[in-house]
PDB file of all heavy atoms in Angstrom:
ATOM      1  N   MET A   1     -32.158 -38.221  17.788  1.00  0.00           N
ATOM      2  CA  MET A   1     -33.260 -38.900  17.159  1.00  0.00           C
ATOM      3  C   MET A   1     -34.615 -38.382  17.862  1.00  0.00           C
ATOM      4  O   MET A   1     -35.568 -38.184  17.154  1.00  0.00           O
ATOM      5  CB  MET A   1     -33.157 -40.384  17.349  1.00  0.00           C
ATOM      6  CG  MET A   1     -34.370 -41.203  16.891  1.00  0.00           C
ATOM      7  SD  MET A   1     -34.037 -42.898  16.818  1.00  0.00           S
ATOM      8  CE  MET A   1     -33.711 -43.286  18.565  1.00  0.00           C
ATOM      9  N   LYS A   2     -34.636 -38.209  19.129  1.00  0.00           N
ATOM     10  CA  LYS A   2     -35.841 -37.789  19.791  1.00  0.00           C
ATOM     11  C   LYS A   2     -36.227 -36.340  19.562  1.00  0.00           C
ATOM     12  O   LYS A   2     -37.425 -35.965  19.505  1.00  0.00           O
ATOM     13  CB  LYS A   2     -35.781 -38.027  21.258  1.00  0.00           C
ATOM     14  CG  LYS A   2     -35.568 -39.475  21.631  1.00  0.00           C
ATOM     15  CD  LYS A   2     -35.774 -39.704  23.170  1.00  0.00           C
ATOM     16  CE  LYS A   2     -34.724 -38.974  23.900  1.00  0.00           C
ATOM     17  NZ  LYS A   2     -34.894 -39.064  25.349  1.00  0.00           N
ATOM     18  N   GLY A   3     -35.215 -35.432  19.506  1.00  0.00           N
ATOM     19  CA  GLY A   3     -35.507 -34.026  19.346  1.00  0.00           C
ATOM     20  C   GLY A   3     -35.814 -33.261  20.615  1.00  0.00           C
ATOM     21  O   GLY A   3     -36.004 -32.094  20.589  1.00  0.00           O
ATOM     22  N   GLY A   4     -35.730 -33.955  21.783  1.00  0.00           N
ATOM     23  CA  GLY A   4     -35.969 -33.241  23.022  1.00  0.00           C
ATOM     24  C   GLY A   4     -35.934 -34.264  24.136  1.00  0.00           C
ATOM     25  O   GLY A   4     -36.033 -35.530  23.932  1.00  0.00           O
ATOM     26  N   ALA A   5     -35.823 -33.819  25.496  1.00  0.00           N
ATOM     27  CA  ALA A   5     -35.720 -34.625  26.521  1.00  0.00           C
ATOM     28  C   ALA A   5     -36.607 -34.160  27.713  1.00  0.00           C
ATOM     29  O   ALA A   5     -36.277 -34.271  28.853  1.00  0.00           O
ATOM     30  CB  ALA A   5     -34.351 -34.789  26.940  1.00  0.00           C
ATOM     31  N   ALA A   6     -37.719 -33.513  27.359  1.00  0.00           N
ATOM     32  CA  ALA A   6     -38.614 -32.927  28.406  1.00  0.00           C
ATOM     33  C   ALA A   6     -40.012 -33.611  28.398  1.00  0.00           C
ATOM     34  O   ALA A   6     -40.989 -33.114  28.889  1.00  0.00           O
ATOM     35  CB  ALA A   6     -38.804 -31.457  28.111  1.00  0.00           C
ATOM     36  N   GLY A   7     -40.109 -34.772  27.808  1.00  0.00           N
ATOM     37  CA  GLY A   7     -41.347 -35.488  27.690  1.00  0.00           C
ATOM     38  C   GLY A   7     -42.010 -35.202  26.421  1.00  0.00           C
ATOM     39  O   GLY A   7     -41.386 -34.746  25.456  1.00  0.00           O
ATOM     40  N   GLY A   8     -43.298 -35.577  26.298  1.00  0.00           N
ATOM     41  CA  GLY A   8     -44.059 -35.305  25.042  1.00  0.00           C
ATOM     42  C   GLY A   8     -45.447 -35.224  25.249  1.00  0.00           C
ATOM     43  O   GLY A   8     -46.031 -35.671  26.276  1.00  0.00           O
ATOM     44  N   GLY A   9     -46.173 -34.631  24.285  1.00  0.00           N
ATOM     45  CA  GLY A   9     -47.634 -34.502  24.351  1.00  0.00           C
ATOM     46  C   GLY A   9     -47.997 -33.574  25.499  1.00  0.00           C
ATOM     47  O   GLY A   9     -47.404 -32.533  25.751  1.00  0.00           O
ATOM     48  N   LYS A  10     -48.980 -34.063  26.294  1.00  0.00           N
ATOM     49  CA  LYS A  10     -49.287 -33.240  27.540  1.00  0.00           C
ATOM     50  C   LYS A  10     -48.644 -33.777  28.746  1.00  0.00           C
ATOM     51  O   LYS A  10     -48.933 -33.414  29.824  1.00  0.00           O
ATOM     52  CB  LYS A  10     -50.809 -33.232  27.675  1.00  0.00           C
ATOM     53  CG  LYS A  10     -51.545 -32.533  26.587  1.00  0.00           C
ATOM     54  CD  LYS A  10     -53.050 -32.390  26.807  1.00  0.00           C
ATOM     55  CE  LYS A  10     -53.703 -31.574  25.735  1.00  0.00           C
ATOM     56  NZ  LYS A  10     -55.143 -31.437  25.899  1.00  0.00           N
ATOM     57  N   ALA A  11     -47.633 -34.709  28.541  1.00  0.00           N
ATOM     58  CA  ALA A  11     -46.838 -35.253  29.632  1.00  0.00           C
ATOM     59  C   ALA A  11     -45.417 -34.730  29.431  1.00  0.00           C
ATOM     60  O   ALA A  11     -44.489 -35.476  29.128  1.00  0.00           O
ATOM     61  CB  ALA A  11     -46.866 -36.743  29.686  1.00  0.00           C
ATOM     62  N   GLN A  12     -45.303 -33.410  29.516  1.00  0.00           N
ATOM     63  CA  GLN A  12     -43.960 -32.871  29.359  1.00  0.00           C
ATOM     64  C   GLN A  12     -43.691 -31.791  30.301  1.00  0.00           C
ATOM     65  O   GLN A  12     -44.638 -31.082  30.904  1.00  0.00           O
ATOM     66  CB  GLN A  12     -43.707 -32.381  27.958  1.00  0.00           C
ATOM     67  CG  GLN A  12     -44.714 -31.322  27.440  1.00  0.00           C
ATOM     68  CD  GLN A  12     -44.397 -30.732  26.074  1.00  0.00           C
ATOM     69  OE1 GLN A  12     -43.194 -30.374  25.743  1.00  0.00           O
ATOM     70  NE2 GLN A  12     -45.370 -30.804  25.080  1.00  0.00           N
ATOM     71  N   ALA A  13     -42.481 -31.469  30.617  1.00  0.00           N
ATOM     72  CA  ALA A  13     -42.082 -30.431  31.597  1.00  0.00           C
ATOM     73  C   ALA A  13     -41.867 -29.096  30.829  1.00  0.00           C
ATOM     74  O   ALA A  13     -41.337 -29.092  29.688  1.00  0.00           O
ATOM     75  CB  ALA A  13     -40.767 -30.797  32.211  1.00  0.00           C
ATOM     76  N   VAL A  14     -42.306 -28.025  31.448  1.00  0.00           N
ATOM     77  CA  VAL A  14     -42.278 -26.642  30.910  1.00  0.00           C
ATOM     78  C   VAL A  14     -41.583 -25.798  31.893  1.00  0.00           C
ATOM     79  O   VAL A  14     -41.741 -26.000  33.201  1.00  0.00           O
ATOM     80  CB  VAL A  14     -43.664 -26.178  30.497  1.00  0.00           C
ATOM     81  CG1 VAL A  14     -44.156 -26.853  29.257  1.00  0.00           C
ATOM     82  CG2 VAL A  14     -44.659 -26.227  31.592  1.00  0.00           C
ATOM     83  N   PRO A  15     -40.877 -24.786  31.524  1.00  0.00           N
ATOM     84  CA  PRO A  15     -40.705 -24.291  30.113  1.00  0.00           C
ATOM     85  C   PRO A  15     -39.712 -25.293  29.374  1.00  0.00           C
ATOM     86  O   PRO A  15     -38.620 -25.502  29.805  1.00  0.00           O
ATOM     87  CB  PRO A  15     -40.024 -22.926  30.281  1.00  0.00           C
ATOM     88  CG  PRO A  15     -39.428 -22.929  31.616  1.00  0.00           C
ATOM     89  CD  PRO A  15     -40.324 -23.779  32.497  1.00  0.00           C
ATOM     90  N   MET A  16     -40.238 -25.845  28.341  1.00  0.00           N
ATOM     91  CA  MET A  16     -39.603 -26.913  27.604  1.00  0.00           C
ATOM     92  C   MET A  16     -38.236 -26.535  27.014  1.00  0.00           C
ATOM     93  O   MET A  16     -37.256 -27.199  27.100  1.00  0.00           O
ATOM     94  CB  MET A  16     -40.474 -27.510  26.500  1.00  0.00           C
ATOM     95  CG  MET A  16     -39.928 -28.688  25.752  1.00  0.00           C
ATOM     96  SD  MET A  16     -39.186 -28.208  24.224  1.00  0.00           S
ATOM     97  CE  MET A  16     -40.699 -27.914  23.257  1.00  0.00           C
ATOM     98  N   GLU A  17     -38.210 -25.314  26.396  1.00  0.00           N
ATOM     99  CA  GLU A  17     -36.959 -24.905  25.780  1.00  0.00           C
ATOM    100  C   GLU A  17     -35.892 -24.691  26.752  1.00  0.00           C
ATOM    101  O   GLU A  17     -34.710 -25.036  26.542  1.00  0.00           O
ATOM    102  CB  GLU A  17     -37.184 -23.527  24.992  1.00  0.00           C
ATOM    103  CG  GLU A  17     -38.155 -23.648  23.824  1.00  0.00           C
ATOM    104  CD  GLU A  17     -39.567 -23.219  24.189  1.00  0.00           C
ATOM    105  OE1 GLU A  17     -40.011 -23.503  25.318  1.00  0.00           O
ATOM    106  OE2 GLU A  17     -40.233 -22.627  23.334  1.00  0.00           O
ATOM    107  N   ASP A  18     -36.220 -24.109  27.907  1.00  0.00           N
ATOM    108  CA  ASP A  18     -35.141 -23.922  28.967  1.00  0.00           C
ATOM    109  C   ASP A  18     -34.584 -25.248  29.472  1.00  0.00           C
ATOM    110  O   ASP A  18     -33.424 -25.404  29.565  1.00  0.00           O
ATOM    111  CB  ASP A  18     -35.857 -23.205  30.172  1.00  0.00           C
ATOM    112  CG  ASP A  18     -36.178 -21.740  29.871  1.00  0.00           C
ATOM    113  OD1 ASP A  18     -36.121 -21.368  28.675  1.00  0.00           O
ATOM    114  OD2 ASP A  18     -36.393 -20.973  30.803  1.00  0.00           O
ATOM    115  N   LEU A  19     -35.490 -26.193  29.753  1.00  0.00           N
ATOM    116  CA  LEU A  19     -35.080 -27.530  30.221  1.00  0.00           C
ATOM    117  C   LEU A  19     -34.135 -28.183  29.185  1.00  0.00           C
ATOM    118  O   LEU A  19     -33.172 -28.811  29.534  1.00  0.00           O
ATOM    119  CB  LEU A  19     -36.264 -28.416  30.517  1.00  0.00           C
ATOM    120  CG  LEU A  19     -35.966 -29.770  31.109  1.00  0.00           C
ATOM    121  CD1 LEU A  19     -35.327 -29.620  32.426  1.00  0.00           C
ATOM    122  CD2 LEU A  19     -37.244 -30.590  31.213  1.00  0.00           C
ATOM    123  N   ASN A  20     -34.501 -28.085  27.938  1.00  0.00           N
ATOM    124  CA  ASN A  20     -33.723 -28.765  26.871  1.00  0.00           C
ATOM    125  C   ASN A  20     -32.389 -28.110  26.576  1.00  0.00           C
ATOM    126  O   ASN A  20     -31.457 -28.739  26.233  1.00  0.00           O
ATOM    127  CB  ASN A  20     -34.558 -28.874  25.567  1.00  0.00           C
ATOM    128  CG  ASN A  20     -35.477 -30.020  25.536  1.00  0.00           C
ATOM    129  OD1 ASN A  20     -35.270 -31.084  26.121  1.00  0.00           O
ATOM    130  ND2 ASN A  20     -36.669 -29.869  24.910  1.00  0.00           N
ATOM    131  N   LEU A  21     -32.319 -26.791  26.734  1.00  0.00           N
ATOM    132  CA  LEU A  21     -31.103 -26.117  26.265  1.00  0.00           C
ATOM    133  C   LEU A  21     -30.115 -25.701  27.336  1.00  0.00           C
ATOM    134  O   LEU A  21     -28.978 -25.990  27.341  1.00  0.00           O
ATOM    135  CB  LEU A  21     -31.501 -24.835  25.458  1.00  0.00           C
ATOM    136  CG  LEU A  21     -32.333 -25.235  24.149  1.00  0.00           C
ATOM    137  CD1 LEU A  21     -32.733 -23.877  23.487  1.00  0.00           C
ATOM    138  CD2 LEU A  21     -31.351 -25.976  23.224  1.00  0.00           C
ATOM    139  N   HIS A  22     -30.605 -24.943  28.284  1.00  0.00           N
ATOM    140  CA  HIS A  22     -29.632 -24.452  29.314  1.00  0.00           C
ATOM    141  C   HIS A  22     -30.097 -24.713  30.810  1.00  0.00           C
ATOM    142  O   HIS A  22     -29.227 -24.900  31.707  1.00  0.00           O
ATOM    143  CB  HIS A  22     -29.470 -22.958  29.114  1.00  0.00           C
ATOM    144  CG  HIS A  22     -28.930 -22.573  27.815  1.00  0.00           C
ATOM    145  ND1 HIS A  22     -27.575 -22.817  27.498  1.00  0.00           N
ATOM    146  CD2 HIS A  22     -29.506 -21.993  26.708  1.00  0.00           C
ATOM    147  CE1 HIS A  22     -27.371 -22.391  26.254  1.00  0.00           C
ATOM    148  NE2 HIS A  22     -28.492 -21.898  25.791  1.00  0.00           N
ATOM    149  N   PHE A  23     -31.344 -24.662  31.063  1.00  0.00           N
ATOM    150  CA  PHE A  23     -31.922 -24.891  32.359  1.00  0.00           C
ATOM    151  C   PHE A  23     -31.289 -23.934  33.299  1.00  0.00           C
ATOM    152  O   PHE A  23     -31.340 -22.708  33.167  1.00  0.00           O
ATOM    153  CB  PHE A  23     -31.751 -26.361  32.790  1.00  0.00           C
ATOM    154  CG  PHE A  23     -32.880 -26.796  33.722  1.00  0.00           C
ATOM    155  CD1 PHE A  23     -34.137 -26.341  33.650  1.00  0.00           C
ATOM    156  CD2 PHE A  23     -32.540 -27.708  34.717  1.00  0.00           C
ATOM    157  CE1 PHE A  23     -35.084 -26.744  34.519  1.00  0.00           C
ATOM    158  CE2 PHE A  23     -33.518 -28.113  35.688  1.00  0.00           C
ATOM    159  CZ  PHE A  23     -34.764 -27.638  35.572  1.00  0.00           C
ATOM    160  N   THR A  24     -30.625 -24.399  34.362  1.00  0.00           N
ATOM    161  CA  THR A  24     -29.974 -23.596  35.339  1.00  0.00           C
ATOM    162  C   THR A  24     -28.498 -23.393  35.062  1.00  0.00           C
ATOM    163  O   THR A  24     -27.796 -22.726  35.883  1.00  0.00           O
ATOM    164  CB  THR A  24     -30.160 -24.118  36.786  1.00  0.00           C
ATOM    165  OG1 THR A  24     -29.569 -25.433  36.800  1.00  0.00           O
ATOM    166  CG2 THR A  24     -31.542 -24.151  37.196  1.00  0.00           C
ATOM    167  N   GLY A  25     -28.001 -23.886  33.992  1.00  0.00           N
ATOM    168  CA  GLY A  25     -26.602 -23.768  33.610  1.00  0.00           C
ATOM    169  C   GLY A  25     -25.586 -24.661  34.240  1.00  0.00           C
ATOM    170  O   GLY A  25     -24.416 -24.463  34.019  1.00  0.00           O
ATOM    171  N   ASP A  26     -26.070 -25.630  34.938  1.00  0.00           N
ATOM    172  CA  ASP A  26     -25.166 -26.488  35.754  1.00  0.00           C
ATOM    173  C   ASP A  26     -24.292 -27.344  34.835  1.00  0.00           C
ATOM    174  O   ASP A  26     -23.083 -27.472  35.138  1.00  0.00           O
ATOM    175  CB  ASP A  26     -25.969 -27.496  36.675  1.00  0.00           C
ATOM    176  CG  ASP A  26     -26.512 -26.731  37.864  1.00  0.00           C
ATOM    177  OD1 ASP A  26     -26.253 -25.538  37.962  1.00  0.00           O
ATOM    178  OD2 ASP A  26     -27.385 -27.301  38.625  1.00  0.00           O
ATOM    179  N   PHE A  27     -24.865 -27.904  33.756  1.00  0.00           N
ATOM    180  CA  PHE A  27     -24.066 -28.715  32.843  1.00  0.00           C
ATOM    181  C   PHE A  27     -22.917 -27.878  32.334  1.00  0.00           C
ATOM    182  O   PHE A  27     -21.782 -28.329  32.143  1.00  0.00           O
ATOM    183  CB  PHE A  27     -24.943 -29.251  31.750  1.00  0.00           C
ATOM    184  CG  PHE A  27     -25.303 -30.694  31.957  1.00  0.00           C
ATOM    185  CD1 PHE A  27     -26.551 -31.148  31.626  1.00  0.00           C
ATOM    186  CD2 PHE A  27     -24.379 -31.627  32.375  1.00  0.00           C
ATOM    187  CE1 PHE A  27     -26.901 -32.446  31.764  1.00  0.00           C
ATOM    188  CE2 PHE A  27     -24.720 -32.941  32.494  1.00  0.00           C
ATOM    189  CZ  PHE A  27     -25.991 -33.373  32.215  1.00  0.00           C
ATOM    190  N   HIS A  28     -23.263 -26.675  31.853  1.00  0.00           N
ATOM    191  CA  HIS A  28     -22.185 -25.819  31.308  1.00  0.00           C
ATOM    192  C   HIS A  28     -21.102 -25.384  32.279  1.00  0.00           C
ATOM    193  O   HIS A  28     -19.942 -25.397  31.926  1.00  0.00           O
ATOM    194  CB  HIS A  28     -22.852 -24.574  30.663  1.00  0.00           C
ATOM    195  CG  HIS A  28     -23.924 -24.891  29.675  1.00  0.00           C
ATOM    196  ND1 HIS A  28     -23.653 -25.278  28.412  1.00  0.00           N
ATOM    197  CD2 HIS A  28     -25.226 -24.964  29.756  1.00  0.00           C
ATOM    198  CE1 HIS A  28     -24.826 -25.567  27.764  1.00  0.00           C
ATOM    199  NE2 HIS A  28     -25.794 -25.340  28.638  1.00  0.00           N
ATOM    200  N   ALA A  29     -21.563 -25.205  33.506  1.00  0.00           N
ATOM    201  CA  ALA A  29     -20.570 -24.822  34.542  1.00  0.00           C
ATOM    202  C   ALA A  29     -19.636 -25.940  34.879  1.00  0.00           C
ATOM    203  O   ALA A  29     -18.400 -25.836  34.959  1.00  0.00           O
ATOM    204  CB  ALA A  29     -21.366 -24.400  35.830  1.00  0.00           C
TER     205      ALA A  29
END
C-alpha cells in the first residue's frame, strides 16, 4: 500500500531505490 519504506517527502533516506530494493543484500543472503 505504501509503495516504499524509506520515508517520504524531504524526510527520506537516500539512495532510496537501493534501500527499498537490495541495500547491502543481507535479506537476500
